[in-house]
Protein backbone atom coordinates (compact mmCIF):
# COMPACT_ATOMS: atom_id res chain seq x y z
CA MET A 1 119.53 88.18 121.10
CA SER A 2 119.37 84.84 119.24
CA ALA A 3 120.33 84.45 115.58
CA GLY A 4 116.64 84.10 114.63
CA GLN A 5 115.70 87.24 116.51
CA ALA A 6 118.57 89.11 114.89
CA VAL A 7 117.42 88.08 111.42
CA HIS A 8 113.84 89.05 112.24
CA HIS A 9 114.99 92.44 113.59
CA ALA A 10 117.13 93.11 110.50
CA ALA A 11 114.27 92.15 108.16
CA ASP A 12 111.89 94.38 110.12
CA GLU A 13 114.29 97.30 109.75
CA VAL A 14 114.41 96.68 106.00
CA ARG A 15 110.60 96.65 105.85
CA HIS A 16 110.38 100.01 107.60
CA ASN A 17 113.24 101.57 105.63
CA SER A 18 111.94 104.74 103.97
CA ALA A 19 113.43 103.86 100.58
CA VAL A 20 111.90 100.36 100.66
CA GLN A 21 108.54 101.83 101.68
CA ALA A 22 108.70 104.41 98.88
CA LEU A 23 109.56 101.79 96.24
CA GLY A 24 106.87 99.41 97.47
CA ARG A 25 104.19 102.10 97.45
CA ALA A 26 105.28 103.31 94.02
CA GLY A 27 104.99 99.68 92.94
CA MET A 28 101.40 99.60 94.18
CA VAL A 29 100.70 102.55 91.89
CA CYS A 30 102.11 100.46 89.01
CA TYR A 31 99.87 97.57 90.08
CA GLY A 32 96.91 99.94 89.93
CA ILE A 33 97.93 101.14 86.46
CA VAL A 34 97.90 97.54 85.21
CA HIS A 35 94.29 97.13 86.40
CA ILE A 36 93.23 100.38 84.75
CA LEU A 37 94.79 99.15 81.49
CA VAL A 38 92.87 95.88 81.82
CA ALA A 39 89.70 97.97 82.13
CA TRP A 40 90.69 99.87 78.97
CA LEU A 41 91.22 96.59 77.07
CA CYS A 42 87.75 95.48 78.15
CA VAL A 43 86.34 98.71 76.73
CA GLN A 44 88.05 97.97 73.41
CA VAL A 45 86.36 94.56 73.32
CA ILE A 46 83.01 96.19 74.06
CA PHE A 47 83.47 98.57 71.13
CA GLY A 48 84.24 95.94 68.56
CA ASP A 49 87.63 94.27 69.05
CA PRO A 50 86.72 90.73 70.22
CA GLY A 51 90.31 89.52 69.71
CA GLN A 52 91.75 92.00 72.20
CA ARG A 53 93.55 90.32 75.08
CA THR A 54 92.00 91.34 78.40
CA ASP A 55 94.43 90.30 81.10
CA GLN A 56 97.43 91.76 82.91
CA THR A 57 99.90 90.54 80.29
CA GLY A 58 97.81 92.16 77.57
CA ALA A 59 97.77 95.37 79.61
CA ILE A 60 101.57 95.40 79.85
CA ALA A 61 101.87 94.70 76.12
CA GLU A 62 99.57 97.68 75.53
CA VAL A 63 102.18 99.89 77.22
CA ALA A 64 104.78 98.73 74.69
CA ALA A 65 102.68 100.16 71.86
CA GLN A 66 102.75 103.68 73.33
CA PRO A 67 105.31 106.43 72.63
CA PHE A 68 108.41 105.80 74.78
CA GLY A 69 106.93 102.36 75.42
CA VAL A 70 110.25 100.71 76.25
CA VAL A 71 111.05 103.33 78.90
CA LEU A 72 107.57 102.99 80.35
CA LEU A 73 107.94 99.21 80.42
CA TRP A 74 111.18 99.43 82.38
CA VAL A 75 109.57 101.80 84.89
CA LEU A 76 106.54 99.52 85.16
CA GLY A 77 108.70 96.42 85.49
CA ILE A 78 110.87 97.88 88.26
CA GLY A 79 107.77 99.14 90.03
CA LEU A 80 106.09 95.73 89.87
CA PHE A 81 109.23 94.02 91.19
CA ALA A 82 109.28 96.51 94.08
CA TYR A 83 105.58 95.88 94.73
CA GLY A 84 106.14 92.13 94.79
CA LEU A 85 109.05 92.37 97.23
CA TRP A 86 107.07 94.74 99.47
CA GLN A 87 104.22 92.22 99.57
CA PHE A 88 106.64 89.46 100.55
CA LEU A 89 107.96 91.62 103.38
CA LEU A 90 104.40 92.29 104.54
CA ALA A 91 103.68 88.56 104.41
CA ALA A 92 106.75 87.78 106.51
CA LEU A 93 106.54 90.56 109.09
CA GLY A 94 103.44 92.68 108.56
CA TYR A 95 99.75 92.66 109.51
CA GLY A 96 100.47 92.98 113.21
CA TRP A 97 97.39 95.22 113.41
CA VAL A 98 95.15 92.21 112.58
CA LEU A 99 94.37 90.69 115.99
CA LYS A 100 92.75 87.39 114.95
CA ARG A 101 95.42 84.83 114.06
CA ARG A 102 93.32 83.22 111.32
CA SER A 103 92.58 86.57 109.69
CA ARG A 104 96.23 87.57 109.93
CA LEU A 105 97.28 84.30 108.27
CA GLY A 106 94.78 84.94 105.47
CA ARG A 107 96.23 88.42 104.93
CA LYS A 108 99.74 86.98 104.76
CA VAL A 109 98.73 84.32 102.24
CA GLY A 110 97.07 87.01 100.13
CA ALA A 111 100.23 89.13 100.31
CA VAL A 112 102.33 86.18 99.11
CA ALA A 113 99.95 85.67 96.18
CA ARG A 114 100.10 89.36 95.26
CA GLY A 115 103.88 89.26 95.60
CA VAL A 116 104.09 86.36 93.15
CA VAL A 117 101.77 88.17 90.71
CA GLY A 118 103.78 91.40 91.02
CA ILE A 119 107.10 89.64 90.33
CA ALA A 120 105.59 87.66 87.44
CA LEU A 121 104.18 90.81 85.84
CA GLY A 122 107.52 92.55 86.36
CA VAL A 123 109.21 89.71 84.46
CA VAL A 124 106.68 90.07 81.63
CA ALA A 125 107.33 93.82 81.43
CA VAL A 126 111.11 93.35 81.30
CA ARG A 127 110.87 90.54 78.74
CA ILE A 128 108.74 92.69 76.45
CA ALA A 129 111.06 95.65 76.99
CA VAL A 130 114.13 93.67 75.89
CA GLY A 131 112.25 92.08 73.00
CA SER A 132 112.05 88.50 74.20
CA GLY A 133 108.34 88.60 74.99
CA GLY A 134 105.34 89.02 72.77
CA GLY A 135 104.58 92.68 72.23
CA SER A 136 101.09 92.32 70.89
CA SER A 137 98.12 92.74 73.13
CA GLY A 138 95.78 91.09 70.72
CA GLY A 139 94.87 87.51 70.20
CA SER A 140 93.03 86.09 73.12
CA GLY A 141 92.22 82.72 71.71
CA GLY A 142 94.49 80.15 73.28
CA SER A 143 97.58 82.32 73.46
CA GLY A 144 99.52 83.77 76.36
CA GLY A 145 97.85 83.48 79.75
CA SER A 146 94.90 81.34 78.60
CA GLY A 147 97.19 79.03 76.63
CA GLU A 148 99.50 78.55 79.62
CA GLN A 149 96.51 77.90 81.87
CA GLN A 150 95.20 75.28 79.45
CA GLU A 151 98.61 73.63 79.15
CA LEU A 152 98.91 73.36 82.93
CA THR A 153 95.37 71.97 83.15
CA ALA A 154 96.17 69.42 80.42
CA ARG A 155 99.24 68.25 82.36
CA LEU A 156 97.19 67.85 85.53
CA LEU A 157 94.44 65.96 83.69
CA ALA A 158 97.04 63.55 82.33
CA LEU A 159 98.06 62.54 85.87
CA PRO A 160 96.43 59.75 87.87
CA ALA A 161 93.37 61.27 89.53
CA GLY A 162 93.99 64.29 87.31
CA ARG A 163 90.33 65.29 87.14
CA MET A 164 90.19 65.31 90.92
CA LEU A 165 93.31 67.49 91.11
CA VAL A 166 91.84 69.99 88.63
CA GLY A 167 88.57 69.91 90.56
CA VAL A 168 90.42 70.73 93.79
CA ALA A 169 92.18 73.59 91.99
CA ALA A 170 88.78 74.89 90.88
CA LEU A 171 87.50 74.80 94.45
CA VAL A 172 90.59 76.68 95.65
CA VAL A 173 90.06 79.39 93.04
CA LEU A 174 86.37 79.63 93.96
CA GLY A 175 87.37 79.92 97.62
CA VAL A 176 89.73 82.78 96.79
CA ALA A 177 86.93 84.38 94.76
CA ALA A 178 84.48 84.14 97.66
CA ASN A 179 87.01 85.60 100.10
CA THR A 180 87.83 88.46 97.71
CA VAL A 181 84.15 89.30 97.23
CA ARG A 182 83.68 89.16 101.01
CA LYS A 183 86.62 91.50 101.49
CA GLY A 184 84.93 94.01 99.20
CA VAL A 185 81.35 93.66 100.42
CA THR A 186 82.27 93.85 104.11
CA LYS A 187 84.86 96.59 103.40
CA ARG A 188 87.41 94.52 105.31
CA PHE A 189 90.12 96.14 103.18
CA GLU A 190 89.72 99.24 105.36
CA GLN A 191 91.50 97.43 108.20
CA ASP A 192 94.71 97.52 106.16
CA LEU A 193 94.48 101.26 105.53
CA ASP A 194 95.32 104.20 107.74
CA MET A 195 92.43 106.35 106.59
CA THR A 196 93.81 109.36 108.46
CA ALA A 197 96.62 109.46 105.86
CA LEU A 198 94.04 110.40 103.22
CA PRO A 199 92.36 113.78 102.74
CA THR A 200 89.02 113.84 104.53
CA GLY A 201 87.04 114.43 101.36
CA THR A 202 88.45 111.35 99.61
CA ARG A 203 87.84 108.72 102.28
CA ARG A 204 84.25 108.00 101.26
CA TRP A 205 85.33 107.54 97.65
CA VAL A 206 88.17 105.23 98.65
CA ARG A 207 85.67 103.05 100.51
CA ARG A 208 83.39 102.95 97.46
CA LEU A 209 86.25 102.23 95.07
CA GLY A 210 87.52 99.44 97.31
CA LEU A 211 84.06 97.90 97.58
CA VAL A 212 83.51 97.90 93.81
CA GLY A 213 87.10 96.96 92.96
CA TRP A 214 87.55 94.03 95.33
CA THR A 215 84.08 92.68 94.55
CA SER A 216 84.73 92.84 90.80
CA LYS A 217 88.06 91.06 91.16
CA GLY A 218 86.34 88.35 93.16
CA ALA A 219 83.70 87.96 90.46
CA ALA A 220 86.43 87.56 87.83
CA TYR A 221 88.14 84.90 89.95
CA ALA A 222 84.79 83.12 90.28
CA VAL A 223 84.44 82.88 86.49
CA ILE A 224 87.99 81.49 86.28
CA GLY A 225 87.10 78.93 88.95
CA VAL A 226 83.99 77.88 87.02
CA LEU A 227 86.05 77.45 83.83
CA VAL A 228 88.58 75.27 85.66
CA GLY A 229 85.71 73.28 87.18
CA LEU A 230 84.21 72.67 83.74
CA ALA A 231 87.60 71.46 82.55
CA ALA A 232 87.61 68.93 85.41
CA LEU A 233 84.03 67.76 84.80
CA ARG A 234 84.52 67.35 81.06
CA ALA A 235 88.19 66.28 81.20
CA ASN A 236 88.88 68.93 78.59
CA ALA A 237 91.74 71.37 79.20
CA ALA A 238 90.36 73.69 76.49
CA GLU A 239 87.53 74.59 78.90
CA SER A 240 90.05 76.13 81.28
CA GLY A 241 91.50 79.62 81.06
CA GLY A 242 92.76 82.64 82.94
CA LEU A 243 91.45 86.18 83.27
CA ASP A 244 91.47 86.78 79.52
CA LYS A 245 89.22 83.80 78.77
CA ALA A 246 87.03 84.56 81.78
CA LEU A 247 86.27 88.08 80.54
CA HIS A 248 85.73 86.94 76.95
CA THR A 249 83.39 84.23 78.26
CA LEU A 250 81.38 86.90 80.05
CA ALA A 251 81.28 88.98 76.87
CA ALA A 252 79.81 86.03 74.94
CA GLN A 253 76.85 85.65 77.32
CA PRO A 254 73.42 87.28 76.97
CA PHE A 255 73.86 90.88 78.13
CA GLY A 256 77.59 90.19 77.78
CA VAL A 257 78.39 93.78 76.83
CA LEU A 258 76.77 95.01 80.03
CA LEU A 259 78.60 92.38 82.10
CA LEU A 260 81.95 93.27 80.56
CA ALA A 261 81.27 96.98 81.05
CA LEU A 262 80.61 96.34 84.74
CA MET A 263 83.84 94.36 85.00
CA ALA A 264 85.71 97.19 83.26
CA LEU A 265 84.33 99.66 85.79
CA GLY A 266 85.32 97.31 88.58
CA PHE A 267 88.91 96.92 87.41
CA ALA A 268 89.20 100.68 86.89
CA ALA A 269 87.85 101.22 90.41
CA PHE A 270 90.39 98.77 91.83
CA GLY A 271 93.18 100.53 89.96
CA VAL A 272 92.26 103.91 91.42
CA TYR A 273 91.83 102.30 94.84
CA CYS A 274 95.45 101.08 94.56
CA PHE A 275 96.59 104.69 94.15
CA ALA A 276 94.97 105.57 97.48
CA ALA A 277 96.21 102.36 99.13
CA ALA A 278 99.75 103.20 98.01
CA ARG A 279 99.56 106.21 100.31
CA ALA A 280 97.47 104.83 103.13
CA HIS A 281 98.36 101.11 103.43
CA ARG A 282 99.61 100.22 106.86
CA SER A 283 103.18 99.00 107.07
C-alpha cells in the first residue's frame, strides 16, 4: 500500500468512525436549528420589528438572549464545528453513491461550502459565548453580515476591473441559487438520503420539506446574487448585502410581508428537513 493509499484509508476510517458520525449528524441538527431561528427572526420582522437581523449570525445571537444562553451557545458552536468537519470529510471521501462524475464533483463542492459555513457559524457562536462577539440580534442596517459583504464588495470595486470581478461574483451566486432551486424542485436531495432509515410515515413529509426548504434557500441566494449584480452595475458597494439584506429587501417590496412569510416557512422547512437528514444522510 502506497503512502497516499494509506492516508486515504486512514481518513476513510475516520469518516466511518461511529463517534465522528454521531458528532457530524448532531451538528446537522444544530445547522437545522439555525435555519429555524432564521425563520423565527423573519416572523419578528413580519410582526413589526423591521430592525431585526435575519441571518444566521442573528439567529445565533438570538440564542445568547435565552436562559442558559452561554451553555446553549457552546453546544451550538461545538455542533456546528462538528458539522463543518463532517462536511469536509464527505467532500474528500464521500458521495461514492453518485455515479456521474460531474454530479459527484458538484456534491463535493457543495459539501465544502457547507463545511466553511458550519465552521464560520461555530466561530460566531463561540465568540459570542466568550463575549468577544456582538450579542445583539438586532440592527440589520449595514452591520454584521451585510456590512462585511459591503466592505468586501467595496474592496473588489476598488481593484482594476473591479466591477467585472463583482459581476462575476454575482453570476457565481446566481449559479449556486439556480442549482439549489433545481436540487429542491427535482428532489435531487433524495439521492443523498437513505430513506429506509426513516419511519415509513415520515418519508413523504421529508420529501416535501426538502422540496420547500431547498427551493427557498435557492430563492434567497438569488436575491443575494441580484443585490451583488446591482452593486456591480452601479459601482456602489452599498447595493450589496448578504442574507439579512436580501430578506429585508424582499420585505420592502409590494406584498413583501407575504414574500417574507413564504421565506420564513421555507427556512423552517429546511431546518426540519435537516433533522431528518441528520438521521438518514448517506455516509
